[in-house]
Amino acid sequence: MYAADHAPPHFHVRTHDGREALVEIRTLRVLSGAIRRKELADALAWAQTRTNALIAKWQELNP
């Protein structure tokens, strides 16, 4: 997650080989990127249990 980033609220997932995906926080929908859903499974499971914390962090970094 970056400060002064564009809407909608999202976080970035990067793989070992440098590929990246942007995931919307509220829906966990992949907005863009070159990572297959299967590869994102762990990150999405992690985010699902931390949605409120991710939203709070987004609001802190992007007032």
PDB file of N, CA and C in Angstrom:
ATOM      1  N   MET A   1       0.857  -1.166   0.000  1.00  0.00           N
ATOM      2  CA  MET A   1       0.000   0.000   0.000  1.00  0.00           C
ATOM      3  C   MET A   1       0.907   1.233   0.000  1.00  0.00           C
ATOM      4  N   TYR A   2       0.504   2.223  -0.781  1.00  0.00           N
ATOM      5  CA  TYR A   2       1.301   3.432  -0.909  1.00  0.00           C
ATOM      6  C   TYR A   2       0.506   4.651  -0.470  1.00  0.00           C
ATOM      7  N   ALA A   3       1.203   5.659   0.034  1.00  0.00           N
ATOM      8  CA  ALA A   3       0.588   6.935   0.367  1.00  0.00           C
ATOM      9  C   ALA A   3       0.301   7.692  -0.927  1.00  0.00           C
ATOM     10  N   ALA A   4      -0.741   8.521  -0.871  1.00  0.00           N
ATOM     11  CA  ALA A   4      -1.138   9.360  -2.009  1.00  0.00           C
ATOM     12  C   ALA A   4      -1.376   8.516  -3.267  1.00  0.00           C
ATOM     13  N   ASP A   5      -1.960   7.353  -3.088  1.00  0.00           N
ATOM     14  CA  ASP A   5      -2.237   6.447  -4.204  1.00  0.00           C
ATOM     15  C   ASP A   5      -3.638   6.736  -4.753  1.00  0.00           C
ATOM     16  N   HIS A   6      -3.929   6.213  -5.906  1.00  0.00           N
ATOM     17  CA  HIS A   6      -5.213   6.436  -6.585  1.00  0.00           C
ATOM     18  C   HIS A   6      -6.304   5.544  -6.008  1.00  0.00           C
ATOM     19  N   ALA A   7      -7.545   5.973  -6.204  1.00  0.00           N
ATOM     20  CA  ALA A   7      -8.705   5.179  -5.800  1.00  0.00           C
ATOM     21  C   ALA A   7      -8.935   4.084  -6.836  1.00  0.00           C
ATOM     22  N   PRO A   8      -9.651   3.033  -6.499  1.00  0.00           N
ATOM     23  CA  PRO A   8     -10.262   2.730  -5.209  1.00  0.00           C
ATOM     24  C   PRO A   8      -9.212   2.215  -4.226  1.00  0.00           C
ATOM     25  N   PRO A   9      -9.563   2.190  -2.935  1.00  0.00           N
ATOM     26  CA  PRO A   9      -8.638   1.652  -1.939  1.00  0.00           C
ATOM     27  C   PRO A   9      -8.189   0.241  -2.322  1.00  0.00           C
ATOM     28  N   HIS A  10      -6.880   0.051  -2.347  1.00  0.00           N
ATOM     29  CA  HIS A  10      -6.331  -1.223  -2.805  1.00  0.00           C
ATOM     30  C   HIS A  10      -4.968  -1.471  -2.163  1.00  0.00           C
ATOM     31  N   PHE A  11      -4.478  -2.682  -2.341  1.00  0.00           N
ATOM     32  CA  PHE A  11      -3.115  -3.005  -1.932  1.00  0.00           C
ATOM     33  C   PHE A  11      -2.434  -3.730  -3.077  1.00  0.00           C
ATOM     34  N   HIS A  12      -1.119  -3.763  -3.017  1.00  0.00           N
ATOM     35  CA  HIS A  12      -0.310  -4.373  -4.062  1.00  0.00           C
ATOM     36  C   HIS A  12       0.214  -5.718  -3.565  1.00  0.00           C
ATOM     37  N   VAL A  13       0.218  -6.700  -4.441  1.00  0.00           N
ATOM     38  CA  VAL A  13       0.802  -8.008  -4.151  1.00  0.00           C
ATOM     39  C   VAL A  13       1.900  -8.229  -5.180  1.00  0.00           C
ATOM     40  N   ARG A  14       3.092  -8.585  -4.702  1.00  0.00           N
ATOM     41  CA  ARG A  14       4.211  -8.853  -5.600  1.00  0.00           C
ATOM     42  C   ARG A  14       4.700 -10.282  -5.416  1.00  0.00           C
ATOM     43  N   THR A  15       5.092 -10.883  -6.521  1.00  0.00           N
ATOM     44  CA  THR A  15       5.634 -12.237  -6.484  1.00  0.00           C
ATOM     45  C   THR A  15       7.155 -12.182  -6.435  1.00  0.00           C
ATOM     46  N   HIS A  16       7.761 -13.335  -6.210  1.00  0.00           N
ATOM     47  CA  HIS A  16       9.223 -13.428  -6.148  1.00  0.00           C
ATOM     48  C   HIS A  16       9.886 -12.953  -7.430  1.00  0.00           C
ATOM     49  N   ASP A  17       9.220 -13.177  -8.553  1.00  0.00           N
ATOM     50  CA  ASP A  17       9.820 -12.812  -9.839  1.00  0.00           C
ATOM     51  C   ASP A  17       9.430 -11.414 -10.318  1.00  0.00           C
ATOM     52  N   GLY A  18       8.821 -10.613  -9.442  1.00  0.00           N
ATOM     53  CA  GLY A  18       8.561  -9.220  -9.752  1.00  0.00           C
ATOM     54  C   GLY A  18       7.205  -8.890 -10.347  1.00  0.00           C
ATOM     55  N   ARG A  19       6.366  -9.903 -10.583  1.00  0.00           N
ATOM     56  CA  ARG A  19       5.028  -9.605 -11.074  1.00  0.00           C
ATOM     57  C   ARG A  19       4.208  -8.970  -9.949  1.00  0.00           C
ATOM     58  N   GLU A  20       3.218  -8.175 -10.341  1.00  0.00           N
ATOM     59  CA  GLU A  20       2.440  -7.443  -9.352  1.00  0.00           C
ATOM     60  C   GLU A  20       0.960  -7.467  -9.716  1.00  0.00           C
ATOM     61  N   ALA A  21       0.118  -7.419  -8.692  1.00  0.00           N
ATOM     62  CA  ALA A  21      -1.330  -7.283  -8.884  1.00  0.00           C
ATOM     63  C   ALA A  21      -1.832  -6.239  -7.899  1.00  0.00           C
ATOM     64  N   LEU A  22      -2.861  -5.517  -8.296  1.00  0.00           N
ATOM     65  CA  LEU A  22      -3.539  -4.575  -7.422  1.00  0.00           C
ATOM     66  C   LEU A  22      -4.873  -5.195  -7.039  1.00  0.00           C
ATOM     67  N   VAL A  23      -5.159  -5.208  -5.733  1.00  0.00           N
ATOM     68  CA  VAL A  23      -6.368  -5.854  -5.220  1.00  0.00           C
ATOM     69  C   VAL A  23      -7.190  -4.828  -4.450  1.00  0.00           C
ATOM     70  N   GLU A  24      -8.455  -4.691  -4.823  1.00  0.00           N
ATOM     71  CA  GLU A  24      -9.357  -3.785  -4.119  1.00  0.00           C
ATOM     72  C   GLU A  24      -9.621  -4.338  -2.720  1.00  0.00           C
ATOM     73  N   ILE A  25      -9.519  -3.492  -1.715  1.00  0.00           N
ATOM     74  CA  ILE A  25      -9.625  -3.944  -0.327  1.00  0.00           C
ATOM     75  C   ILE A  25     -11.022  -4.470   0.003  1.00  0.00           C
ATOM     76  N   ARG A  26     -12.051  -3.733  -0.316  1.00  0.00           N
ATOM     77  CA  ARG A  26     -13.414  -4.115   0.115  1.00  0.00           C
ATOM     78  C   ARG A  26     -13.928  -5.386  -0.551  1.00  0.00           C
ATOM     79  N   THR A  27     -13.597  -5.590  -1.815  1.00  0.00           N
ATOM     80  CA  THR A  27     -14.151  -6.727  -2.557  1.00  0.00           C
ATOM     81  C   THR A  27     -13.145  -7.850  -2.800  1.00  0.00           C
ATOM     82  N   LEU A  28     -11.859  -7.553  -2.598  1.00  0.00           N
ATOM     83  CA  LEU A  28     -10.752  -8.454  -2.911  1.00  0.00           C
ATOM     84  C   LEU A  28     -10.727  -8.817  -4.394  1.00  0.00           C
ATOM     85  N   ARG A  29     -11.263  -7.912  -5.203  1.00  0.00           N
ATOM     86  CA  ARG A  29     -11.259  -8.083  -6.657  1.00  0.00           C
ATOM     87  C   ARG A  29      -9.908  -7.627  -7.196  1.00  0.00           C
ATOM     88  N   VAL A  30      -9.346  -8.404  -8.103  1.00  0.00           N
ATOM     89  CA  VAL A  30      -8.077  -8.028  -8.730  1.00  0.00           C
ATOM     90  C   VAL A  30      -8.376  -6.934  -9.745  1.00  0.00           C
ATOM     91  N   LEU A  31      -7.771  -5.775  -9.533  1.00  0.00           N
ATOM     92  CA  LEU A  31      -7.996  -4.629 -10.409  1.00  0.00           C
ATOM     93  C   LEU A  31      -7.108  -4.682 -11.642  1.00  0.00           C
ATOM     94  N   SER A  32      -5.888  -5.141 -11.448  1.00  0.00           N
ATOM     95  CA  SER A  32      -4.950  -5.264 -12.565  1.00  0.00           C
ATOM     96  C   SER A  32      -3.789  -6.136 -12.126  1.00  0.00           C
ATOM     97  N   GLY A  33      -3.034  -6.586 -13.091  1.00  0.00           N
ATOM     98  CA  GLY A  33      -1.842  -7.343 -12.769  1.00  0.00           C
ATOM     99  C   GLY A  33      -1.746  -8.653 -13.502  1.00  0.00           C
ATOM    100  N   ALA A  34      -0.586  -9.273 -13.319  1.00  0.00           N
ATOM    101  CA  ALA A  34      -0.256 -10.498 -14.052  1.00  0.00           C
ATOM    102  C   ALA A  34      -0.056 -11.683 -13.123  1.00  0.00           C
ATOM    103  N   ILE A  35      -0.824 -11.720 -12.044  1.00  0.00           N
ATOM    104  CA  ILE A  35      -0.717 -12.831 -11.104  1.00  0.00           C
ATOM    105  C   ILE A  35      -2.018 -13.628 -11.164  1.00  0.00           C
ATOM    106  N   ARG A  36      -1.884 -14.920 -11.367  1.00  0.00           N
ATOM    107  CA  ARG A  36      -3.076 -15.775 -11.417  1.00  0.00           C
ATOM    108  C   ARG A  36      -3.749 -15.841 -10.054  1.00  0.00           C
ATOM    109  N   ARG A  37      -5.058 -16.029 -10.075  1.00  0.00           N
ATOM    110  CA  ARG A  37      -5.849 -16.087  -8.842  1.00  0.00           C
ATOM    111  C   ARG A  37      -5.298 -17.153  -7.885  1.00  0.00           C
ATOM    112  N   LYS A  38      -4.888 -18.297  -8.428  1.00  0.00           N
ATOM    113  CA  LYS A  38      -4.336 -19.371  -7.601  1.00  0.00           C
ATOM    114  C   LYS A  38      -3.076 -18.901  -6.869  1.00  0.00           C
ATOM    115  N   GLU A  39      -2.262 -18.099  -7.547  1.00  0.00           N
ATOM    116  CA  GLU A  39      -1.045 -17.571  -6.922  1.00  0.00           C
ATOM    117  C   GLU A  39      -1.365 -16.530  -5.851  1.00  0.00           C
ATOM    118  N   LEU A  40      -2.517 -15.898  -5.964  1.00  0.00           N
ATOM    119  CA  LEU A  40      -2.927 -14.867  -5.011  1.00  0.00           C
ATOM    120  C   LEU A  40      -3.649 -15.434  -3.798  1.00  0.00           C
ATOM    121  N   ALA A  41      -3.942 -16.710  -3.791  1.00  0.00           N
ATOM    122  CA  ALA A  41      -4.803 -17.309  -2.768  1.00  0.00           C
ATOM    123  C   ALA A  41      -4.361 -16.981  -1.345  1.00  0.00           C
ATOM    124  N   ASP A  42      -3.094 -17.116  -1.033  1.00  0.00           N
ATOM    125  CA  ASP A  42      -2.625 -16.839   0.331  1.00  0.00           C
ATOM    126  C   ASP A  42      -2.788 -15.367   0.688  1.00  0.00           C
ATOM    127  N   ALA A  43      -2.450 -14.484  -0.233  1.00  0.00           N
ATOM    128  CA  ALA A  43      -2.577 -13.047   0.022  1.00  0.00           C
ATOM    129  C   ALA A  43      -4.043 -12.661   0.207  1.00  0.00           C
ATOM    130  N   LEU A  44      -4.922 -13.227  -0.594  1.00  0.00           N
ATOM    131  CA  LEU A  44      -6.344 -12.914  -0.470  1.00  0.00           C
ATOM    132  C   LEU A  44      -6.925 -13.457   0.833  1.00  0.00           C
ATOM    133  N   ALA A  45      -6.503 -14.635   1.238  1.00  0.00           N
ATOM    134  CA  ALA A  45      -6.959 -15.195   2.516  1.00  0.00           C
ATOM    135  C   ALA A  45      -6.489 -14.322   3.676  1.00  0.00           C
ATOM    136  N   TRP A  46      -5.248 -13.866   3.595  1.00  0.00           N
ATOM    137  CA  TRP A  46      -4.698 -12.968   4.623  1.00  0.00           C
ATOM    138  C   TRP A  46      -5.503 -11.676   4.669  1.00  0.00           C
ATOM    139  N   ALA A  47      -5.755 -11.079   3.513  1.00  0.00           N
ATOM    140  CA  ALA A  47      -6.466  -9.805   3.444  1.00  0.00           C
ATOM    141  C   ALA A  47      -7.908  -9.928   3.928  1.00  0.00           C
ATOM    142  N   GLN A  48      -8.535 -11.050   3.654  1.00  0.00           N
ATOM    143  CA  GLN A  48      -9.927 -11.255   4.056  1.00  0.00           C
ATOM    144  C   GLN A  48     -10.094 -11.156   5.565  1.00  0.00           C
ATOM    145  N   THR A  49      -9.100 -11.593   6.314  1.00  0.00           N
ATOM    146  CA  THR A  49      -9.186 -11.545   7.780  1.00  0.00           C
ATOM    147  C   THR A  49      -8.728 -10.203   8.340  1.00  0.00           C
ATOM    148  N   ARG A  50      -8.258  -9.301   7.476  1.00  0.00           N
ATOM    149  CA  ARG A  50      -7.722  -8.020   7.928  1.00  0.00           C
ATOM    150  C   ARG A  50      -8.323  -6.827   7.183  1.00  0.00           C
ATOM    151  N   THR A  51      -9.516  -6.998   6.656  1.00  0.00           N
ATOM    152  CA  THR A  51     -10.129  -5.941   5.856  1.00  0.00           C
ATOM    153  C   THR A  51     -10.216  -4.621   6.616  1.00  0.00           C
ATOM    154  N   ASN A  52     -10.687  -4.638   7.853  1.00  0.00           N
ATOM    155  CA  ASN A  52     -10.825  -3.402   8.623  1.00  0.00           C
ATOM    156  C   ASN A  52      -9.479  -2.722   8.841  1.00  0.00           C
ATOM    157  N   ALA A  53      -8.462  -3.484   9.134  1.00  0.00           N
ATOM    158  CA  ALA A  53      -7.129  -2.911   9.333  1.00  0.00           C
ATOM    159  C   ALA A  53      -6.580  -2.335   8.029  1.00  0.00           C
ATOM    160  N   LEU A  54      -6.831  -3.016   6.920  1.00  0.00           N
ATOM    161  CA  LEU A  54      -6.368  -2.507   5.627  1.00  0.00           C
ATOM    162  C   LEU A  54      -7.082  -1.207   5.268  1.00  0.00           C
ATOM    163  N   ILE A  55      -8.379  -1.130   5.514  1.00  0.00           N
ATOM    164  CA  ILE A  55      -9.135   0.097   5.245  1.00  0.00           C
ATOM    165  C   ILE A  55      -8.616   1.235   6.119  1.00  0.00           C
ATOM    166  N   ALA A  56      -8.374   0.953   7.388  1.00  0.00           N
ATOM    167  CA  ALA A  56      -7.853   1.979   8.296  1.00  0.00           C
ATOM    168  C   ALA A  56      -6.490   2.479   7.830  1.00  0.00           C
ATOM    169  N   LYS A  57      -5.639   1.583   7.396  1.00  0.00           N
ATOM    170  CA  LYS A  57      -4.309   1.981   6.916  1.00  0.00           C
ATOM    171  C   LYS A  57      -4.431   2.807   5.648  1.00  0.00           C
ATOM    172  N   TRP A  58      -5.343   2.386   4.733  1.00  0.00           N
ATOM    173  CA  TRP A  58      -5.552   3.154   3.504  1.00  0.00           C
ATOM    174  C   TRP A  58      -5.977   4.596   3.854  1.00  0.00           C
ATOM    175  N   GLN A  59      -6.916   4.729   4.780  1.00  0.00           N
ATOM    176  CA  GLN A  59      -7.401   6.056   5.160  1.00  0.00           C
ATOM    177  C   GLN A  59      -6.307   6.890   5.815  1.00  0.00           C
ATOM    178  N   GLU A  60      -5.427   6.236   6.559  1.00  0.00           N
ATOM    179  CA  GLU A  60      -4.292   6.935   7.175  1.00  0.00           C
ATOM    180  C   GLU A  60      -3.325   7.441   6.114  1.00  0.00           C
ATOM    181  N   LEU A  61      -3.033   6.620   5.125  1.00  0.00           N
ATOM    182  CA  LEU A  61      -2.050   6.974   4.094  1.00  0.00           C
ATOM    183  C   LEU A  61      -2.631   7.852   2.987  1.00  0.00           C
ATOM    184  N   ASN A  62      -3.953   7.816   2.843  1.00  0.00           N
ATOM    185  CA  ASN A  62      -4.615   8.530   1.746  1.00  0.00           C
ATOM    186  C   ASN A  62      -5.801   9.335   2.283  1.00  0.00           C
ATOM    187  N   PRO A  63      -5.502  10.356   3.088  1.00  0.00           N
ATOM    188  CA  PRO A  63      -6.598  11.139   3.723  1.00  0.00           C
ATOM    189  C   PRO A  63      -7.408  11.942   2.706  1.00  0.00           C
TER     190      PRO A  63
END
